[in-house]
Amino acid sequence: SVSRPEGLIAGKPQKYATLMELGGMAESLLVTCFDGRPIKVEGNPDSPQSKGSSTVFAQSETLSLYDPDRAVGVVERKDGKRYARDWQAFIEYSDTVLGQAQKDGGAKLRVLADVSSSAARKSLQEKFSALYPKSRWYDYTANSRDNVYEGARIAFGEVVRPHFDLTKANVIVCLDEYLLSEHPASLLHTRDWASRRDPAAGPMNRL
């Protein structure tokens, strides 16, 4: 049997504040759950950046959660074939591999992870590197911002994250990145840009 959490009323939706990372940058969200199942994602109205809005990427997270093709278990790939395994088999396998890797400092051990700005993840990575000093940890994301950081390093002499105030821009030119949809701060940019699109308030900005 399953014990119902204290204070939970069956059939009554509950909302939880959470964060979603995309490309190492967090988006503040408010998720509505029905009987423990997430059914709706919205922006957190208390967030100074989104103010209750959400990106298309956040909206699609609900679909990915219930995607029938989503991996639901452990799979071992061996000799070009895939075999279903349970979590106990994975734990035993990983204990063996990590135990052997510790003998040479993890010289042949590689980790491929998504880009994250999480402090907890950073702490975990530091502990892992201390245990396996010869290992290699690689962060990868399909929407890498390495070129942005390298450009900032060339311009300012150090790696910084640029912040744009579009309320002060009369003409906006986007090259290779659309600030209103592809940028991690697209919600803030869209609101700032739209604030200058009132013809009754004077000259409008141009994109």
N, C-alpha and C. Protein backbone atom coordinates (compact mmCIF):
# COMPACT_ATOMS: atom_id res chain seq x y z
N SER A 1 0.84 -1.18 0.00
CA SER A 1 0.00 0.00 0.00
C SER A 1 0.88 1.25 0.00
N VAL A 2 0.31 2.36 -0.44
CA VAL A 2 1.02 3.63 -0.50
C VAL A 2 0.37 4.61 0.47
N SER A 3 1.18 5.21 1.34
CA SER A 3 0.66 6.16 2.31
C SER A 3 0.58 7.54 1.67
N ARG A 4 -0.58 8.16 1.76
CA ARG A 4 -0.75 9.50 1.21
C ARG A 4 0.02 10.51 2.06
N PRO A 5 0.80 11.40 1.43
CA PRO A 5 1.53 12.41 2.19
C PRO A 5 0.59 13.27 3.03
N GLU A 6 1.05 13.68 4.20
CA GLU A 6 0.24 14.49 5.09
C GLU A 6 -0.13 15.82 4.42
N GLY A 7 -1.40 16.18 4.50
CA GLY A 7 -1.87 17.44 3.94
C GLY A 7 -2.28 17.36 2.48
N LEU A 8 -2.11 16.21 1.85
CA LEU A 8 -2.47 16.06 0.44
C LEU A 8 -3.92 15.59 0.32
N ILE A 9 -4.73 16.36 -0.40
CA ILE A 9 -6.13 16.03 -0.62
C ILE A 9 -6.28 15.47 -2.03
N ALA A 10 -6.82 14.26 -2.13
CA ALA A 10 -6.98 13.61 -3.43
C ALA A 10 -7.85 14.46 -4.35
N GLY A 11 -7.40 14.63 -5.58
CA GLY A 11 -8.16 15.39 -6.57
C GLY A 11 -7.94 16.88 -6.54
N LYS A 12 -7.16 17.38 -5.58
CA LYS A 12 -6.89 18.81 -5.48
C LYS A 12 -5.50 19.11 -6.02
N PRO A 13 -5.39 19.93 -7.07
CA PRO A 13 -4.07 20.23 -7.66
C PRO A 13 -3.16 20.95 -6.66
N GLN A 14 -1.88 20.68 -6.77
CA GLN A 14 -0.87 21.34 -5.96
C GLN A 14 0.18 21.97 -6.87
N LYS A 15 0.77 23.07 -6.41
CA LYS A 15 1.77 23.76 -7.20
C LYS A 15 3.11 23.77 -6.45
N TYR A 16 4.18 23.56 -7.21
CA TYR A 16 5.51 23.51 -6.64
C TYR A 16 6.44 24.43 -7.44
N ALA A 17 7.24 25.19 -6.72
CA ALA A 17 8.26 26.03 -7.37
C ALA A 17 9.49 25.18 -7.63
N THR A 18 10.05 25.30 -8.82
CA THR A 18 11.22 24.51 -9.18
C THR A 18 12.06 25.27 -10.20
N LEU A 19 13.16 24.66 -10.60
CA LEU A 19 14.04 25.24 -11.61
C LEU A 19 14.30 24.23 -12.71
N MET A 20 14.48 24.71 -13.92
CA MET A 20 14.87 23.87 -15.04
C MET A 20 16.10 24.48 -15.69
N GLU A 21 17.12 23.66 -15.89
CA GLU A 21 18.35 24.15 -16.52
C GLU A 21 18.34 23.87 -18.01
N LEU A 22 18.83 24.82 -18.76
CA LEU A 22 19.00 24.66 -20.20
C LEU A 22 20.30 25.36 -20.59
N GLY A 23 21.25 24.57 -21.01
CA GLY A 23 22.55 25.15 -21.36
C GLY A 23 23.29 25.72 -20.18
N GLY A 24 23.03 25.18 -18.98
CA GLY A 24 23.72 25.65 -17.79
C GLY A 24 23.10 26.87 -17.14
N MET A 25 21.94 27.32 -17.64
CA MET A 25 21.26 28.47 -17.05
C MET A 25 19.87 28.05 -16.60
N ALA A 26 19.47 28.51 -15.42
CA ALA A 26 18.22 28.06 -14.80
C ALA A 26 17.04 28.94 -15.19
N GLU A 27 15.89 28.29 -15.31
CA GLU A 27 14.62 29.00 -15.55
C GLU A 27 13.69 28.68 -14.39
N SER A 28 13.17 29.72 -13.74
CA SER A 28 12.31 29.55 -12.58
C SER A 28 10.89 29.19 -13.02
N LEU A 29 10.36 28.08 -12.48
CA LEU A 29 9.07 27.57 -12.93
C LEU A 29 8.12 27.30 -11.78
N LEU A 30 6.85 27.20 -12.11
CA LEU A 30 5.81 26.81 -11.17
C LEU A 30 5.06 25.65 -11.83
N VAL A 31 5.13 24.47 -11.22
CA VAL A 31 4.57 23.26 -11.82
C VAL A 31 3.32 22.83 -11.07
N THR A 32 2.24 22.61 -11.81
CA THR A 32 0.99 22.13 -11.23
C THR A 32 0.95 20.61 -11.31
N CYS A 33 0.68 19.97 -10.17
CA CYS A 33 0.62 18.50 -10.11
C CYS A 33 -0.78 18.07 -9.69
N PHE A 34 -1.24 16.98 -10.28
CA PHE A 34 -2.55 16.42 -9.95
C PHE A 34 -2.33 15.00 -9.46
N ASP A 35 -2.61 14.77 -8.18
CA ASP A 35 -2.37 13.46 -7.55
C ASP A 35 -0.93 13.00 -7.75
N GLY A 36 0.01 13.94 -7.60
CA GLY A 36 1.42 13.61 -7.69
C GLY A 36 2.00 13.61 -9.08
N ARG A 37 1.17 13.87 -10.10
CA ARG A 37 1.64 13.83 -11.48
C ARG A 37 1.70 15.25 -12.06
N PRO A 38 2.86 15.69 -12.53
CA PRO A 38 2.96 17.02 -13.16
C PRO A 38 2.12 17.09 -14.43
N ILE A 39 1.29 18.11 -14.55
CA ILE A 39 0.42 18.23 -15.72
C ILE A 39 0.55 19.58 -16.42
N LYS A 40 1.12 20.58 -15.74
CA LYS A 40 1.19 21.92 -16.34
C LYS A 40 2.41 22.67 -15.83
N VAL A 41 3.12 23.31 -16.75
CA VAL A 41 4.31 24.09 -16.42
C VAL A 41 4.07 25.55 -16.77
N GLU A 42 4.35 26.43 -15.83
CA GLU A 42 4.26 27.87 -16.06
C GLU A 42 5.49 28.54 -15.46
N GLY A 43 5.72 29.78 -15.84
CA GLY A 43 6.80 30.54 -15.23
C GLY A 43 6.44 30.94 -13.82
N ASN A 44 7.44 31.09 -12.98
CA ASN A 44 7.21 31.50 -11.60
C ASN A 44 6.95 33.01 -11.56
N PRO A 45 5.77 33.44 -11.10
CA PRO A 45 5.46 34.88 -11.08
C PRO A 45 6.36 35.67 -10.14
N ASP A 46 7.02 34.99 -9.19
CA ASP A 46 7.91 35.68 -8.27
C ASP A 46 9.32 35.85 -8.83
N SER A 47 9.58 35.28 -10.00
CA SER A 47 10.91 35.40 -10.61
C SER A 47 11.08 36.78 -11.24
N PRO A 48 12.14 37.50 -10.92
CA PRO A 48 12.35 38.84 -11.51
C PRO A 48 12.63 38.78 -13.01
N GLN A 49 13.01 37.62 -13.50
CA GLN A 49 13.33 37.51 -14.92
C GLN A 49 12.12 37.10 -15.75
N SER A 50 11.43 36.04 -15.34
CA SER A 50 10.30 35.55 -16.15
C SER A 50 8.98 36.23 -15.82
N LYS A 51 8.78 36.57 -14.53
CA LYS A 51 7.53 37.21 -14.08
C LYS A 51 6.29 36.41 -14.51
N GLY A 52 6.40 35.09 -14.43
CA GLY A 52 5.25 34.24 -14.75
C GLY A 52 5.24 33.69 -16.15
N SER A 53 6.14 34.13 -17.00
CA SER A 53 6.21 33.60 -18.37
C SER A 53 7.13 32.37 -18.40
N SER A 54 7.01 31.59 -19.46
CA SER A 54 7.85 30.41 -19.61
C SER A 54 8.22 30.24 -21.08
N THR A 55 9.31 29.57 -21.33
CA THR A 55 9.78 29.34 -22.69
C THR A 55 9.13 28.09 -23.28
N VAL A 56 9.26 27.93 -24.59
CA VAL A 56 8.73 26.73 -25.24
C VAL A 56 9.45 25.49 -24.75
N PHE A 57 10.69 25.64 -24.34
CA PHE A 57 11.45 24.49 -23.84
C PHE A 57 10.88 24.00 -22.52
N ALA A 58 10.47 24.94 -21.66
CA ALA A 58 9.86 24.56 -20.38
C ALA A 58 8.52 23.89 -20.61
N GLN A 59 7.73 24.42 -21.55
CA GLN A 59 6.42 23.84 -21.83
C GLN A 59 6.55 22.40 -22.34
N SER A 60 7.59 22.13 -23.10
CA SER A 60 7.75 20.79 -23.68
C SER A 60 8.22 19.76 -22.67
N GLU A 61 8.66 20.19 -21.49
CA GLU A 61 9.13 19.24 -20.49
C GLU A 61 8.03 18.29 -20.04
N THR A 62 6.79 18.76 -20.01
CA THR A 62 5.68 17.87 -19.64
C THR A 62 5.55 16.74 -20.65
N LEU A 63 5.70 17.05 -21.93
CA LEU A 63 5.63 16.02 -22.97
C LEU A 63 6.76 15.02 -22.82
N SER A 64 7.96 15.51 -22.53
CA SER A 64 9.10 14.59 -22.40
C SER A 64 8.93 13.67 -21.20
N LEU A 65 8.23 14.15 -20.16
CA LEU A 65 8.01 13.32 -18.98
C LEU A 65 7.13 12.12 -19.28
N TYR A 66 6.14 12.32 -20.16
CA TYR A 66 5.21 11.24 -20.49
C TYR A 66 5.49 10.63 -21.86
N ASP A 67 6.65 10.90 -22.43
CA ASP A 67 7.01 10.36 -23.74
C ASP A 67 7.10 8.83 -23.66
N PRO A 68 6.33 8.11 -24.50
CA PRO A 68 6.36 6.64 -24.44
C PRO A 68 7.72 6.05 -24.83
N ASP A 69 8.54 6.83 -25.54
CA ASP A 69 9.86 6.34 -25.94
C ASP A 69 10.94 6.67 -24.92
N ARG A 70 10.55 7.28 -23.82
CA ARG A 70 11.52 7.63 -22.79
C ARG A 70 12.07 6.36 -22.14
N ALA A 71 13.37 6.37 -21.85
CA ALA A 71 13.99 5.22 -21.20
C ALA A 71 13.40 5.03 -19.81
N VAL A 72 12.98 3.83 -19.52
CA VAL A 72 12.33 3.55 -18.23
C VAL A 72 13.11 2.54 -17.39
N GLY A 73 14.23 2.07 -17.89
CA GLY A 73 14.99 1.08 -17.15
C GLY A 73 16.45 1.07 -17.57
N VAL A 74 17.19 0.12 -17.04
CA VAL A 74 18.61 -0.02 -17.33
C VAL A 74 18.80 -0.95 -18.52
N VAL A 75 19.64 -0.53 -19.45
CA VAL A 75 19.92 -1.33 -20.64
C VAL A 75 21.44 -1.51 -20.78
N GLU A 76 21.86 -2.74 -21.01
CA GLU A 76 23.27 -3.03 -21.24
C GLU A 76 23.49 -3.29 -22.74
N ARG A 77 24.46 -2.58 -23.30
CA ARG A 77 24.80 -2.80 -24.70
C ARG A 77 26.06 -3.66 -24.78
N LYS A 78 25.92 -4.80 -25.42
CA LYS A 78 27.03 -5.76 -25.48
C LYS A 78 27.02 -6.46 -26.82
N ASP A 79 28.16 -6.47 -27.50
CA ASP A 79 28.30 -7.13 -28.80
C ASP A 79 27.26 -6.64 -29.80
N GLY A 80 26.97 -5.33 -29.76
CA GLY A 80 26.03 -4.76 -30.71
C GLY A 80 24.57 -5.01 -30.38
N LYS A 81 24.29 -5.63 -29.25
CA LYS A 81 22.91 -5.92 -28.86
C LYS A 81 22.59 -5.23 -27.54
N ARG A 82 21.30 -5.06 -27.27
CA ARG A 82 20.84 -4.40 -26.06
C ARG A 82 20.09 -5.41 -25.19
N TYR A 83 20.43 -5.39 -23.90
CA TYR A 83 19.82 -6.33 -22.96
C TYR A 83 19.24 -5.56 -21.78
N ALA A 84 18.01 -5.90 -21.42
CA ALA A 84 17.36 -5.26 -20.27
C ALA A 84 17.99 -5.76 -18.97
N ARG A 85 18.30 -4.84 -18.08
CA ARG A 85 18.89 -5.18 -16.78
C ARG A 85 18.13 -4.42 -15.69
N ASP A 86 18.31 -4.86 -14.44
CA ASP A 86 17.70 -4.15 -13.32
C ASP A 86 18.75 -3.26 -12.66
N TRP A 87 18.30 -2.43 -11.72
CA TRP A 87 19.20 -1.47 -11.08
C TRP A 87 20.26 -2.15 -10.23
N GLN A 88 19.94 -3.30 -9.65
CA GLN A 88 20.92 -4.02 -8.85
C GLN A 88 22.10 -4.46 -9.71
N ALA A 89 21.80 -4.91 -10.93
CA ALA A 89 22.86 -5.31 -11.85
C ALA A 89 23.74 -4.12 -12.22
N PHE A 90 23.12 -2.95 -12.37
CA PHE A 90 23.88 -1.74 -12.68
C PHE A 90 24.80 -1.35 -11.52
N ILE A 91 24.28 -1.44 -10.30
CA ILE A 91 25.08 -1.09 -9.12
C ILE A 91 26.29 -2.01 -9.00
N GLU A 92 26.07 -3.31 -9.20
CA GLU A 92 27.16 -4.27 -9.12
C GLU A 92 28.20 -4.02 -10.21
N TYR A 93 27.73 -3.70 -11.40
CA TYR A 93 28.65 -3.43 -12.52
C TYR A 93 29.46 -2.16 -12.25
N SER A 94 28.78 -1.09 -11.83
CA SER A 94 29.47 0.18 -11.59
C SER A 94 30.45 0.07 -10.43
N ASP A 95 30.10 -0.70 -9.39
CA ASP A 95 31.03 -0.89 -8.27
C ASP A 95 32.31 -1.57 -8.74
N THR A 96 32.15 -2.55 -9.63
CA THR A 96 33.32 -3.26 -10.15
C THR A 96 34.20 -2.35 -11.00
N VAL A 97 33.57 -1.62 -11.92
CA VAL A 97 34.32 -0.74 -12.82
C VAL A 97 35.00 0.40 -12.06
N LEU A 98 34.26 1.05 -11.15
CA LEU A 98 34.83 2.17 -10.40
C LEU A 98 35.90 1.70 -9.43
N GLY A 99 35.73 0.50 -8.89
CA GLY A 99 36.74 -0.05 -7.99
C GLY A 99 38.05 -0.30 -8.71
N GLN A 100 37.96 -0.84 -9.92
CA GLN A 100 39.17 -1.08 -10.72
C GLN A 100 39.80 0.24 -11.16
N ALA A 101 38.97 1.22 -11.50
CA ALA A 101 39.48 2.51 -11.96
C ALA A 101 40.23 3.26 -10.87
N GLN A 102 39.87 3.01 -9.63
CA GLN A 102 40.50 3.71 -8.52
C GLN A 102 41.97 3.31 -8.35
N LYS A 103 42.33 2.13 -8.86
CA LYS A 103 43.70 1.65 -8.71
C LYS A 103 44.70 2.51 -9.48
N ASP A 104 44.28 3.05 -10.63
CA ASP A 104 45.18 3.89 -11.42
C ASP A 104 44.72 5.34 -11.47
N GLY A 105 43.89 5.73 -10.50
CA GLY A 105 43.42 7.11 -10.43
C GLY A 105 42.41 7.47 -11.48
N GLY A 106 41.80 6.46 -12.11
CA GLY A 106 40.78 6.72 -13.13
C GLY A 106 41.37 7.16 -14.45
N ALA A 107 42.56 6.66 -14.80
CA ALA A 107 43.23 7.09 -16.03
C ALA A 107 42.40 6.78 -17.27
N LYS A 108 41.59 5.74 -17.23
CA LYS A 108 40.76 5.37 -18.39
C LYS A 108 39.29 5.68 -18.16
N LEU A 109 39.01 6.47 -17.14
CA LEU A 109 37.62 6.78 -16.78
C LEU A 109 37.21 8.13 -17.36
N ARG A 110 36.07 8.15 -18.06
CA ARG A 110 35.55 9.37 -18.65
C ARG A 110 34.09 9.56 -18.25
N VAL A 111 33.72 10.81 -17.99
CA VAL A 111 32.33 11.15 -17.63
C VAL A 111 31.81 12.17 -18.63
N LEU A 112 30.65 11.89 -19.23
CA LEU A 112 29.99 12.82 -20.14
C LEU A 112 28.71 13.29 -19.46
N ALA A 113 28.62 14.60 -19.19
CA ALA A 113 27.47 15.14 -18.45
C ALA A 113 26.94 16.38 -19.14
N ASP A 114 25.71 16.71 -18.82
CA ASP A 114 25.10 17.92 -19.34
C ASP A 114 25.70 19.14 -18.63
N VAL A 115 25.71 20.26 -19.30
CA VAL A 115 26.21 21.50 -18.69
C VAL A 115 25.28 21.90 -17.55
N SER A 116 25.85 22.27 -16.42
CA SER A 116 25.04 22.63 -15.25
C SER A 116 25.74 23.71 -14.44
N SER A 117 24.94 24.60 -13.86
CA SER A 117 25.47 25.62 -12.95
C SER A 117 25.11 25.30 -11.50
N SER A 118 24.67 24.06 -11.27
CA SER A 118 24.25 23.62 -9.94
C SER A 118 25.45 23.54 -8.99
N ALA A 119 25.31 24.13 -7.81
CA ALA A 119 26.37 24.07 -6.80
C ALA A 119 26.55 22.64 -6.30
N ALA A 120 25.44 21.89 -6.20
CA ALA A 120 25.52 20.50 -5.76
C ALA A 120 26.27 19.66 -6.79
N ARG A 121 26.02 19.90 -8.07
CA ARG A 121 26.71 19.16 -9.11
C ARG A 121 28.20 19.48 -9.11
N LYS A 122 28.52 20.76 -8.89
CA LYS A 122 29.92 21.17 -8.84
C LYS A 122 30.64 20.48 -7.69
N SER A 123 29.98 20.39 -6.53
CA SER A 123 30.57 19.71 -5.38
C SER A 123 30.79 18.23 -5.68
N LEU A 124 29.81 17.60 -6.34
CA LEU A 124 29.93 16.20 -6.71
C LEU A 124 31.09 15.99 -7.67
N GLN A 125 31.24 16.90 -8.63
CA GLN A 125 32.32 16.79 -9.60
C GLN A 125 33.68 16.93 -8.93
N GLU A 126 33.79 17.84 -7.97
CA GLU A 126 35.05 18.03 -7.25
C GLU A 126 35.42 16.79 -6.44
N LYS A 127 34.43 16.17 -5.80
CA LYS A 127 34.69 14.94 -5.04
C LYS A 127 35.09 13.80 -5.97
N PHE A 128 34.45 13.73 -7.13
CA PHE A 128 34.77 12.69 -8.10
C PHE A 128 36.20 12.86 -8.60
N SER A 129 36.59 14.10 -8.91
CA SER A 129 37.94 14.37 -9.41
C SER A 129 39.00 14.09 -8.35
N ALA A 130 38.65 14.32 -7.09
CA ALA A 130 39.60 14.03 -6.01
C ALA A 130 39.80 12.53 -5.85
N LEU A 131 38.74 11.76 -6.09
CA LEU A 131 38.81 10.30 -5.96
C LEU A 131 39.48 9.68 -7.18
N TYR A 132 39.25 10.30 -8.35
CA TYR A 132 39.84 9.80 -9.60
C TYR A 132 40.59 10.95 -10.28
N PRO A 133 41.77 11.31 -9.78
CA PRO A 133 42.48 12.51 -10.27
C PRO A 133 42.91 12.44 -11.74
N LYS A 134 43.03 11.25 -12.30
CA LYS A 134 43.45 11.11 -13.70
C LYS A 134 42.27 10.95 -14.66
N SER A 135 41.07 11.02 -14.14
CA SER A 135 39.89 10.89 -14.98
C SER A 135 39.63 12.19 -15.74
N ARG A 136 38.69 12.14 -16.68
CA ARG A 136 38.32 13.33 -17.44
C ARG A 136 36.81 13.51 -17.38
N TRP A 137 36.38 14.73 -17.12
CA TRP A 137 34.96 15.06 -17.03
C TRP A 137 34.62 16.03 -18.16
N TYR A 138 33.67 15.65 -19.00
CA TYR A 138 33.30 16.48 -20.14
C TYR A 138 31.86 16.95 -20.00
N ASP A 139 31.67 18.26 -20.11
CA ASP A 139 30.32 18.84 -20.13
C ASP A 139 29.93 19.10 -21.58
N TYR A 140 28.71 18.71 -21.92
CA TYR A 140 28.25 18.90 -23.31
C TYR A 140 26.80 19.36 -23.32
N THR A 141 26.51 20.28 -24.22
CA THR A 141 25.13 20.69 -24.47
C THR A 141 24.99 21.03 -25.94
N ALA A 142 23.82 20.73 -26.49
CA ALA A 142 23.59 20.98 -27.91
C ALA A 142 23.55 22.48 -28.21
N ASN A 143 23.22 23.29 -27.22
CA ASN A 143 23.18 24.75 -27.42
C ASN A 143 24.31 25.41 -26.62
N SER A 144 25.53 24.99 -26.94
CA SER A 144 26.71 25.50 -26.24
C SER A 144 26.87 27.01 -26.41
N ARG A 145 27.33 27.67 -25.36
CA ARG A 145 27.58 29.11 -25.39
C ARG A 145 29.07 29.41 -25.26
N ASP A 146 29.90 28.44 -25.64
CA ASP A 146 31.35 28.63 -25.54
C ASP A 146 31.83 29.81 -26.37
N ASN A 147 31.23 30.01 -27.55
CA ASN A 147 31.64 31.14 -28.40
C ASN A 147 31.32 32.48 -27.74
N VAL A 148 30.19 32.51 -27.01
CA VAL A 148 29.82 33.74 -26.31
C VAL A 148 30.84 34.06 -25.22
N TYR A 149 31.22 33.03 -24.45
CA TYR A 149 32.18 33.25 -23.37
C TYR A 149 33.56 33.60 -23.92
N GLU A 150 33.93 32.99 -25.04
CA GLU A 150 35.23 33.30 -25.64
C GLU A 150 35.23 34.74 -26.17
N GLY A 151 34.12 35.16 -26.76
CA GLY A 151 34.02 36.54 -27.22
C GLY A 151 34.10 37.53 -26.07
N ALA A 152 33.47 37.17 -24.94
CA ALA A 152 33.54 38.04 -23.76
C ALA A 152 34.97 38.11 -23.23
N ARG A 153 35.67 36.98 -23.29
CA ARG A 153 37.06 36.97 -22.82
C ARG A 153 37.93 37.88 -23.68
N ILE A 154 37.71 37.84 -25.00
CA ILE A 154 38.49 38.70 -25.90
C ILE A 154 38.15 40.17 -25.66
N ALA A 155 36.87 40.46 -25.43
CA ALA A 155 36.43 41.85 -25.28
C ALA A 155 36.78 42.43 -23.91
N PHE A 156 36.63 41.62 -22.86
CA PHE A 156 36.78 42.14 -21.49
C PHE A 156 37.98 41.59 -20.74
N GLY A 157 38.69 40.64 -21.34
CA GLY A 157 39.87 40.09 -20.68
C GLY A 157 39.59 38.98 -19.70
N GLU A 158 38.33 38.61 -19.53
CA GLU A 158 37.97 37.51 -18.65
C GLU A 158 36.64 36.93 -19.11
N VAL A 159 36.38 35.70 -18.67
CA VAL A 159 35.14 35.03 -19.06
C VAL A 159 34.01 35.55 -18.19
N VAL A 160 33.08 36.27 -18.80
CA VAL A 160 31.93 36.83 -18.09
C VAL A 160 30.67 36.51 -18.90
N ARG A 161 29.54 36.65 -18.25
CA ARG A 161 28.26 36.42 -18.91
C ARG A 161 27.62 37.78 -19.22
N PRO A 162 27.51 38.15 -20.49
CA PRO A 162 26.96 39.47 -20.83
C PRO A 162 25.47 39.57 -20.54
N HIS A 163 25.05 40.74 -20.05
CA HIS A 163 23.64 41.01 -19.80
C HIS A 163 23.23 42.22 -20.64
N PHE A 164 22.12 42.08 -21.35
CA PHE A 164 21.68 43.14 -22.26
C PHE A 164 20.43 43.82 -21.71
N ASP A 165 20.43 45.14 -21.74
CA ASP A 165 19.27 45.93 -21.35
C ASP A 165 18.63 46.48 -22.62
N LEU A 166 17.65 45.74 -23.16
CA LEU A 166 17.04 46.12 -24.43
C LEU A 166 16.11 47.31 -24.31
N THR A 167 15.82 47.76 -23.09
CA THR A 167 14.98 48.95 -22.93
C THR A 167 15.71 50.20 -23.39
N LYS A 168 17.04 50.13 -23.49
CA LYS A 168 17.84 51.29 -23.88
C LYS A 168 18.32 51.20 -25.32
N ALA A 169 17.90 50.14 -26.02
CA ALA A 169 18.37 49.95 -27.40
C ALA A 169 17.34 50.48 -28.40
N ASN A 170 17.79 51.33 -29.30
CA ASN A 170 16.91 51.85 -30.35
C ASN A 170 16.86 50.91 -31.56
N VAL A 171 17.99 50.30 -31.87
CA VAL A 171 18.08 49.36 -32.99
C VAL A 171 18.79 48.10 -32.49
N ILE A 172 18.19 46.94 -32.72
CA ILE A 172 18.75 45.67 -32.27
C ILE A 172 19.06 44.82 -33.50
N VAL A 173 20.31 44.41 -33.63
CA VAL A 173 20.74 43.55 -34.73
C VAL A 173 21.19 42.22 -34.15
N CYS A 174 20.56 41.13 -34.55
CA CYS A 174 20.90 39.80 -34.05
C CYS A 174 21.66 39.03 -35.13
N LEU A 175 22.84 38.56 -34.81
CA LEU A 175 23.65 37.78 -35.73
C LEU A 175 23.90 36.40 -35.13
N ASP A 176 23.35 35.37 -35.75
CA ASP A 176 23.58 33.98 -35.38
C ASP A 176 22.85 33.56 -34.10
N GLU A 177 22.23 34.49 -33.40
CA GLU A 177 21.45 34.13 -32.22
C GLU A 177 20.29 35.13 -32.07
N TYR A 178 19.10 34.60 -31.92
CA TYR A 178 17.92 35.45 -31.79
C TYR A 178 17.66 35.69 -30.31
N LEU A 179 17.82 36.92 -29.87
CA LEU A 179 17.73 37.25 -28.45
C LEU A 179 16.35 37.00 -27.86
N LEU A 180 15.31 36.98 -28.69
CA LEU A 180 13.94 36.87 -28.16
C LEU A 180 13.44 35.43 -28.06
N SER A 181 14.24 34.46 -28.49
CA SER A 181 13.77 33.07 -28.39
C SER A 181 14.88 32.08 -28.07
N GLU A 182 16.06 32.27 -28.63
CA GLU A 182 17.13 31.29 -28.46
C GLU A 182 18.03 31.58 -27.27
N HIS A 183 18.07 32.81 -26.84
CA HIS A 183 18.95 33.21 -25.74
C HIS A 183 18.38 32.70 -24.41
N PRO A 184 19.25 32.28 -23.46
CA PRO A 184 18.76 31.82 -22.16
C PRO A 184 17.91 32.85 -21.41
N ALA A 185 18.14 34.14 -21.67
CA ALA A 185 17.36 35.20 -21.03
C ALA A 185 16.31 35.75 -21.99
N SER A 186 15.77 34.90 -22.86
CA SER A 186 14.83 35.35 -23.89
C SER A 186 13.56 35.96 -23.30
N LEU A 187 13.10 35.46 -22.16
CA LEU A 187 11.88 36.01 -21.56
C LEU A 187 12.09 37.46 -21.13
N LEU A 188 13.22 37.72 -20.50
CA LEU A 188 13.55 39.09 -20.09
C LEU A 188 13.74 39.99 -21.31
N HIS A 189 14.43 39.48 -22.31
CA HIS A 189 14.67 40.27 -23.52
C HIS A 189 13.37 40.61 -24.24
N THR A 190 12.47 39.64 -24.32
CA THR A 190 11.20 39.87 -25.01
C THR A 190 10.39 40.95 -24.31
N ARG A 191 10.34 40.90 -22.98
CA ARG A 191 9.58 41.89 -22.22
C ARG A 191 10.22 43.28 -22.35
N ASP A 192 11.54 43.35 -22.27
CA ASP A 192 12.23 44.64 -22.40
C ASP A 192 12.05 45.22 -23.80
N TRP A 193 12.13 44.37 -24.81
CA TRP A 193 11.96 44.84 -26.19
C TRP A 193 10.54 45.34 -26.42
N ALA A 194 9.55 44.59 -25.92
CA ALA A 194 8.15 44.96 -26.12
C ALA A 194 7.79 46.26 -25.40
N SER A 195 8.53 46.60 -24.34
CA SER A 195 8.23 47.83 -23.60
C SER A 195 8.48 49.08 -24.43
N ARG A 196 9.23 48.94 -25.51
CA ARG A 196 9.53 50.08 -26.40
C ARG A 196 8.69 50.04 -27.68
N ARG A 197 7.65 49.20 -27.69
CA ARG A 197 6.86 49.04 -28.92
C ARG A 197 5.51 49.74 -28.83
N ASP A 198 5.40 50.76 -28.01
CA ASP A 198 4.16 51.52 -27.88
C ASP A 198 4.27 52.80 -28.71
N PRO A 199 3.57 52.89 -29.85
CA PRO A 199 3.71 54.08 -30.70
C PRO A 199 3.23 55.36 -30.04
N ALA A 200 2.35 55.24 -29.03
CA ALA A 200 1.83 56.43 -28.35
C ALA A 200 2.86 57.02 -27.39
N ALA A 201 3.88 56.22 -27.04
CA ALA A 201 4.88 56.68 -26.07
C ALA A 201 6.07 57.35 -26.74
N GLY A 202 6.08 57.37 -28.07
CA GLY A 202 7.21 57.98 -28.77
C GLY A 202 7.79 57.04 -29.80
N PRO A 203 8.99 57.35 -30.30
CA PRO A 203 9.63 56.49 -31.31
C PRO A 203 9.83 55.06 -30.79
N MET A 204 9.50 54.09 -31.64
CA MET A 204 9.65 52.70 -31.24
C MET A 204 11.03 52.18 -31.63
N ASN A 205 11.45 51.14 -30.94
CA ASN A 205 12.72 50.51 -31.29
C ASN A 205 12.54 49.63 -32.54
N ARG A 206 13.64 49.18 -33.09
CA ARG A 206 13.60 48.36 -34.29
C ARG A 206 14.46 47.11 -34.09
N LEU A 207 13.97 45.99 -34.62
CA LEU A 207 14.68 44.72 -34.51
C LEU A 207 15.07 44.25 -35.91
